[in-house]
Every structure is written in C-alpha cells, then in structure tokens.
Amino acid sequence: MPLHSTKGSVSHITDSPLRVESSGDRATERRHVRSYNHLQGDIRRRKLFSFQKFFLRIDQNGKVNGTKSKDDPLSKYHGNHICGRGVVAIRGLHSNYYLALNRKGNCMEEFNVDCTLKERIEENGYNTYASAEWRNKKRQMFVGLNVHGKPLRGRKSRRKNTATHFLPILV
C-alpha cells in the first residue's frame, strides 16, 4: 500500500503522523486524525469497571453503587458525547437514569446540567469522570466507588485516587 498517491496537482499522504495536503502552490499541515472512538460523537453501550473491581450500576430507583456481577443488566449504560470533546452524558440502559454528580451526588431522572461529565484518559489507561459543571473549592469532583462498592462523595474525590478510575468495557 503506497504512502501517498497523486492525482494531477493534488497529493495526499495518508499513513504518516502528520497529514499534508497540497493543492497547487498552497500547502497546509494538519495533525493526523487518530481513531479515538470514545471521544467521537457516537452513542456507546458500555459498562464501567472500576479499579476497585466493581461494575458501576444505576438501579431502578436511581441509586448508584457497584456490583461484582458481570452479568448484571443494570450495569450497562448508554454514553453519548455532547458539547464537544470529552464531555459525556451516561444513562443507565435499563433504569433510564442519568449518572449525575451534583452537590449531593444524586442520580437524576432528567437530563440537565448536573449530568454532564468530563471524560479523561489517565496515564494508567483508566478513565476518570469529573463533573463538567460543579467544583468544590476550585477542585474538580469525580465519580468513584470505594472498596465496598459505595459511591464516593464528589467533594472528597481526587483525580489521582484510584477509586475514581474506570475502564469502559464494550457490551
């Protein structure tokens, strides 16, 4: 497979870290578009597996907790990206409740500002989810599960705390 092909005065380099497109005497350089499917505007069916070995679940009453069962239908969710890169809304597939991080850490039935979360990939390969709207003393508040599968209070959570680290698993 060739690295570039030419058609008339236009050449395209496709398999390099930088994409160069030249048309006539004008050349532009752009970053290569990488395949970050988790950051694109698609709706995904996933499970969140925490560093504490729990699957995040949203039950029929809107309560958030962790379960060890990999077959629990309440641990499946729809995640769709909104408002640009890295901002997501997570809705339970069977419960239809959104994962929201407000000042009390409650789950919301309707979509509102509390339901927007910033998704970030950490150095260890896990993802963290912070409230896109709320901060506590200028610090971000993160979604997390403790060692017993109970949700952490957003005001007590930090990005480097492994209780806030999740692996999105395809369903």
C-alpha atoms as a PDB file:
ATOM      1  CA  MET A   1       0.000   0.000   0.000  1.00  0.00           C
ATOM      2  CA  PRO A   2       1.605   3.291  -1.014  1.00  0.00           C
ATOM      3  CA  LEU A   3       2.105   6.073   1.477  1.00  0.00           C
ATOM      4  CA  HIS A   4       0.875   8.665  -0.950  1.00  0.00           C
ATOM      5  CA  SER A   5      -0.938   8.875  -4.228  1.00  0.00           C
ATOM      6  CA  THR A   6      -1.008  11.703  -6.688  1.00  0.00           C
ATOM      7  CA  LYS A   7      -3.879  12.876  -8.832  1.00  0.00           C
ATOM      8  CA  GLY A   8      -2.978  15.818 -11.010  1.00  0.00           C
ATOM      9  CA  SER A   9      -1.658  18.605  -8.795  1.00  0.00           C
ATOM     10  CA  VAL A  10      -3.080  17.248  -5.508  1.00  0.00           C
ATOM     11  CA  SER A  11      -1.103  14.820  -3.350  1.00  0.00           C
ATOM     12  CA  HIS A  12      -2.323  13.141  -0.171  1.00  0.00           C
ATOM     13  CA  ILE A  13      -0.095  11.486   2.428  1.00  0.00           C
ATOM     14  CA  THR A  14      -2.330   9.195   4.436  1.00  0.00           C
ATOM     15  CA  ASP A  15      -0.297   6.946   6.749  1.00  0.00           C
ATOM     16  CA  SER A  16       2.003   9.407   8.474  1.00  0.00           C
ATOM     17  CA  PRO A  17       1.734  11.200  11.818  1.00  0.00           C
ATOM     18  CA  LEU A  18       1.052  14.458  10.008  1.00  0.00           C
ATOM     19  CA  ARG A  19      -1.351  14.742   7.120  1.00  0.00           C
ATOM     20  CA  VAL A  20      -0.047  17.026   4.378  1.00  0.00           C
ATOM     21  CA  GLU A  21      -2.386  18.210   1.690  1.00  0.00           C
ATOM     22  CA  SER A  22      -1.077  20.351  -1.100  1.00  0.00           C
ATOM     23  CA  SER A  23      -3.152  21.903  -3.798  1.00  0.00           C
ATOM     24  CA  GLY A  24      -1.122  23.748  -6.404  1.00  0.00           C
ATOM     25  CA  ASP A  25       1.302  26.092  -4.658  1.00  0.00           C
ATOM     26  CA  ARG A  26      -0.590  26.116  -1.342  1.00  0.00           C
ATOM     27  CA  ALA A  27       0.352  23.541   1.343  1.00  0.00           C
ATOM     28  CA  THR A  28      -1.306  23.018   4.698  1.00  0.00           C
ATOM     29  CA  GLU A  29      -0.276  20.765   7.565  1.00  0.00           C
ATOM     30  CA  ARG A  30      -2.750  19.244   9.984  1.00  0.00           C
ATOM     31  CA  ARG A  31      -2.462  16.706  12.785  1.00  0.00           C
ATOM     32  CA  HIS A  32      -3.255  13.161  11.789  1.00  0.00           C
ATOM     33  CA  VAL A  33      -6.782  12.224  12.800  1.00  0.00           C
ATOM     34  CA  ARG A  34      -6.387   9.369  15.257  1.00  0.00           C
ATOM     35  CA  SER A  35      -9.074   6.834  15.941  1.00  0.00           C
ATOM     36  CA  TYR A  36     -10.399   7.829  19.365  1.00  0.00           C
ATOM     37  CA  ASN A  37     -13.829   6.224  19.138  1.00  0.00           C
ATOM     38  CA  HIS A  38     -14.513   7.019  22.795  1.00  0.00           C
ATOM     39  CA  LEU A  39     -14.112  10.744  22.064  1.00  0.00           C
ATOM     40  CA  GLN A  40     -16.297  10.883  18.965  1.00  0.00           C
ATOM     41  CA  GLY A  41     -19.956  11.877  18.914  1.00  0.00           C
ATOM     42  CA  ASP A  42     -21.427   8.398  18.937  1.00  0.00           C
ATOM     43  CA  ILE A  43     -23.722   6.590  21.338  1.00  0.00           C
ATOM     44  CA  ARG A  44     -21.962   3.721  23.029  1.00  0.00           C
ATOM     45  CA  ARG A  45     -23.197   0.744  25.016  1.00  0.00           C
ATOM     46  CA  ARG A  46     -20.633   0.038  27.690  1.00  0.00           C
ATOM     47  CA  LYS A  47     -20.014  -0.999  31.265  1.00  0.00           C
ATOM     48  CA  LEU A  48     -17.752   0.878  33.640  1.00  0.00           C
ATOM     49  CA  PHE A  49     -15.376  -1.416  35.534  1.00  0.00           C
ATOM     50  CA  SER A  50     -13.715   0.322  38.463  1.00  0.00           C
ATOM     51  CA  PHE A  51     -10.164  -0.057  39.715  1.00  0.00           C
ATOM     52  CA  GLN A  52     -11.777  -1.431  42.905  1.00  0.00           C
ATOM     53  CA  LYS A  53     -13.107  -4.431  40.862  1.00  0.00           C
ATOM     54  CA  PHE A  54     -16.766  -3.311  40.752  1.00  0.00           C
ATOM     55  CA  PHE A  55     -19.077  -2.615  37.828  1.00  0.00           C
ATOM     56  CA  LEU A  56     -20.828   0.740  38.217  1.00  0.00           C
ATOM     57  CA  ARG A  57     -24.606   0.239  38.246  1.00  0.00           C
ATOM     58  CA  ILE A  58     -27.625   2.529  38.346  1.00  0.00           C
ATOM     59  CA  ASP A  59     -30.645   0.695  39.770  1.00  0.00           C
ATOM     60  CA  GLN A  60     -34.368   1.196  39.075  1.00  0.00           C
ATOM     61  CA  ASN A  61     -34.629   3.784  41.886  1.00  0.00           C
ATOM     62  CA  GLY A  62     -31.731   5.867  40.563  1.00  0.00           C
ATOM     63  CA  LYS A  63     -29.229   4.757  43.233  1.00  0.00           C
ATOM     64  CA  VAL A  64     -25.612   4.405  42.159  1.00  0.00           C
ATOM     65  CA  ASN A  65     -23.447   1.602  43.557  1.00  0.00           C
ATOM     66  CA  GLY A  66     -21.066  -1.143  42.482  1.00  0.00           C
ATOM     67  CA  THR A  67     -21.671  -4.814  41.752  1.00  0.00           C
ATOM     68  CA  LYS A  68     -19.265  -7.733  41.337  1.00  0.00           C
ATOM     69  CA  SER A  69     -21.626  -9.464  38.883  1.00  0.00           C
ATOM     70  CA  LYS A  70     -20.513  -9.025  35.285  1.00  0.00           C
ATOM     71  CA  ASP A  71     -23.968 -10.133  34.048  1.00  0.00           C
ATOM     72  CA  ASP A  72     -25.987  -7.500  35.934  1.00  0.00           C
ATOM     73  CA  PRO A  73     -28.212  -5.729  33.348  1.00  0.00           C
ATOM     74  CA  LEU A  74     -28.292  -2.557  35.485  1.00  0.00           C
ATOM     75  CA  SER A  75     -24.557  -2.044  34.979  1.00  0.00           C
ATOM     76  CA  LYS A  76     -24.977  -1.384  31.231  1.00  0.00           C
ATOM     77  CA  TYR A  77     -25.215   2.207  30.067  1.00  0.00           C
ATOM     78  CA  HIS A  78     -25.533   4.445  27.031  1.00  0.00           C
ATOM     79  CA  GLY A  79     -22.781   7.004  26.837  1.00  0.00           C
ATOM     80  CA  ASN A  80     -23.017   9.805  24.323  1.00  0.00           C
ATOM     81  CA  HIS A  81     -20.756  12.765  23.789  1.00  0.00           C
ATOM     82  CA  ILE A  82     -22.194  16.240  23.964  1.00  0.00           C
ATOM     83  CA  CYS A  83     -20.851  19.783  23.885  1.00  0.00           C
ATOM     84  CA  GLY A  84     -17.538  18.870  22.288  1.00  0.00           C
ATOM     85  CA  ARG A  85     -14.709  16.523  23.019  1.00  0.00           C
ATOM     86  CA  GLY A  86     -14.524  14.684  26.300  1.00  0.00           C
ATOM     87  CA  VAL A  87     -17.900  15.822  27.703  1.00  0.00           C
ATOM     88  CA  VAL A  88     -20.264  12.879  28.130  1.00  0.00           C
ATOM     89  CA  ALA A  89     -23.686  12.010  29.491  1.00  0.00           C
ATOM     90  CA  ILE A  90     -24.084   8.497  30.905  1.00  0.00           C
ATOM     91  CA  ARG A  91     -27.578   6.970  31.048  1.00  0.00           C
ATOM     92  CA  GLY A  92     -28.397   3.552  32.501  1.00  0.00           C
ATOM     93  CA  LEU A  93     -29.607   1.240  29.747  1.00  0.00           C
ATOM     94  CA  HIS A  94     -32.362  -0.406  31.826  1.00  0.00           C
ATOM     95  CA  SER A  95     -33.028   2.191  34.523  1.00  0.00           C
ATOM     96  CA  ASN A  96     -33.085   5.284  32.220  1.00  0.00           C
ATOM     97  CA  TYR A  97     -31.484   7.358  34.988  1.00  0.00           C
ATOM     98  CA  TYR A  98     -28.542   9.598  34.192  1.00  0.00           C
ATOM     99  CA  LEU A  99     -25.334   9.437  36.175  1.00  0.00           C
ATOM    100  CA  ALA A 100     -25.159  12.910  37.668  1.00  0.00           C
ATOM    101  CA  LEU A 101     -22.731  14.462  40.068  1.00  0.00           C
ATOM    102  CA  ASN A 102     -24.365  17.373  41.803  1.00  0.00           C
ATOM    103  CA  ARG A 103     -23.534  18.743  45.226  1.00  0.00           C
ATOM    104  CA  LYS A 104     -25.283  15.814  46.906  1.00  0.00           C
ATOM    105  CA  GLY A 105     -24.113  13.180  44.383  1.00  0.00           C
ATOM    106  CA  ASN A 106     -27.651  12.106  43.456  1.00  0.00           C
ATOM    107  CA  CYS A 107     -28.686  10.437  40.224  1.00  0.00           C
ATOM    108  CA  MET A 108     -31.068  12.445  38.075  1.00  0.00           C
ATOM    109  CA  GLU A 109     -34.036  11.183  36.076  1.00  0.00           C
ATOM    110  CA  GLU A 110     -33.972  14.045  33.581  1.00  0.00           C
ATOM    111  CA  PHE A 111     -31.074  15.339  31.579  1.00  0.00           C
ATOM    112  CA  ASN A 112     -29.782  18.607  32.993  1.00  0.00           C
ATOM    113  CA  VAL A 113     -26.529  20.412  33.731  1.00  0.00           C
ATOM    114  CA  ASP A 114     -25.618  18.004  36.560  1.00  0.00           C
ATOM    115  CA  CYS A 115     -25.477  15.084  34.102  1.00  0.00           C
ATOM    116  CA  THR A 116     -22.546  16.366  32.061  1.00  0.00           C
ATOM    117  CA  LEU A 117     -19.241  14.727  32.939  1.00  0.00           C
ATOM    118  CA  LYS A 118     -15.738  15.347  31.642  1.00  0.00           C
ATOM    119  CA  GLU A 119     -14.096  12.115  30.499  1.00  0.00           C
ATOM    120  CA  ARG A 120     -10.324  11.952  30.708  1.00  0.00           C
ATOM    121  CA  ILE A 121      -7.919   9.111  29.966  1.00  0.00           C
ATOM    122  CA  GLU A 122      -5.319   8.820  32.710  1.00  0.00           C
ATOM    123  CA  GLU A 123      -1.705   7.670  32.420  1.00  0.00           C
ATOM    124  CA  ASN A 124      -2.575   4.158  33.656  1.00  0.00           C
ATOM    125  CA  GLY A 125      -5.139   3.647  30.853  1.00  0.00           C
ATOM    126  CA  TYR A 126      -8.196   4.112  33.073  1.00  0.00           C
ATOM    127  CA  ASN A 127     -10.794   6.857  32.537  1.00  0.00           C
ATOM    128  CA  THR A 128     -11.951   9.394  35.095  1.00  0.00           C
ATOM    129  CA  TYR A 129     -15.290  11.212  35.050  1.00  0.00           C
ATOM    130  CA  ALA A 130     -15.498  14.660  36.647  1.00  0.00           C
ATOM    131  CA  SER A 131     -18.468  16.985  36.875  1.00  0.00           C
ATOM    132  CA  ALA A 132     -18.384  19.434  33.980  1.00  0.00           C
ATOM    133  CA  GLU A 133     -20.444  21.967  35.925  1.00  0.00           C
ATOM    134  CA  TRP A 134     -19.609  21.733  39.621  1.00  0.00           C
ATOM    135  CA  ARG A 135     -16.380  22.288  41.534  1.00  0.00           C
ATOM    136  CA  ASN A 136     -15.562  22.226  45.209  1.00  0.00           C
ATOM    137  CA  LYS A 137     -13.077  24.881  46.329  1.00  0.00           C
ATOM    138  CA  LYS A 138     -11.774  25.157  42.743  1.00  0.00           C
ATOM    139  CA  ARG A 139     -11.150  21.383  42.591  1.00  0.00           C
ATOM    140  CA  GLN A 140     -12.962  19.019  40.277  1.00  0.00           C
ATOM    141  CA  MET A 141     -15.394  16.483  41.736  1.00  0.00           C
ATOM    142  CA  PHE A 142     -15.058  12.916  40.401  1.00  0.00           C
ATOM    143  CA  VAL A 143     -17.332   9.879  40.157  1.00  0.00           C
ATOM    144  CA  GLY A 144     -15.889   7.000  42.174  1.00  0.00           C
ATOM    145  CA  LEU A 145     -16.588   3.785  44.081  1.00  0.00           C
ATOM    146  CA  ASN A 146     -14.944   2.803  47.366  1.00  0.00           C
ATOM    147  CA  VAL A 147     -13.684  -0.701  48.260  1.00  0.00           C
ATOM    148  CA  HIS A 148     -17.215  -1.739  49.310  1.00  0.00           C
ATOM    149  CA  GLY A 149     -18.866  -0.585  46.055  1.00  0.00           C
ATOM    150  CA  LYS A 150     -20.460   2.520  47.573  1.00  0.00           C
ATOM    151  CA  PRO A 151     -20.253   5.839  45.701  1.00  0.00           C
ATOM    152  CA  LEU A 152     -17.696   8.370  46.876  1.00  0.00           C
ATOM    153  CA  ARG A 153     -18.737  11.891  47.739  1.00  0.00           C
ATOM    154  CA  GLY A 154     -17.616  14.173  44.943  1.00  0.00           C
ATOM    155  CA  ARG A 155     -16.148  16.673  47.376  1.00  0.00           C
ATOM    156  CA  LYS A 156     -13.773  14.025  48.761  1.00  0.00           C
ATOM    157  CA  SER A 157     -12.605  12.567  45.434  1.00  0.00           C
ATOM    158  CA  ARG A 158      -9.416  13.389  43.543  1.00  0.00           C
ATOM    159  CA  ARG A 159      -8.192  12.537  40.050  1.00  0.00           C
ATOM    160  CA  LYS A 160      -5.163  10.559  41.270  1.00  0.00           C
ATOM    161  CA  ASN A 161      -7.258   8.466  43.677  1.00  0.00           C
ATOM    162  CA  THR A 162      -7.661   5.023  42.055  1.00  0.00           C
ATOM    163  CA  ALA A 163     -11.223   4.778  43.415  1.00  0.00           C
ATOM    164  CA  THR A 164     -12.197   7.230  40.655  1.00  0.00           C
ATOM    165  CA  HIS A 165     -10.608   5.202  37.833  1.00  0.00           C
ATOM    166  CA  PHE A 166     -12.841   3.200  35.465  1.00  0.00           C
ATOM    167  CA  LEU A 167     -12.348   1.021  32.401  1.00  0.00           C
ATOM    168  CA  PRO A 168     -15.118   1.316  29.797  1.00  0.00           C
ATOM    169  CA  ILE A 169     -15.920  -2.201  28.554  1.00  0.00           C
ATOM    170  CA  LEU A 170     -17.892  -2.832  25.360  1.00  0.00           C
ATOM    171  CA  VAL A 171     -21.201  -4.668  25.801  1.00  0.00           C
END
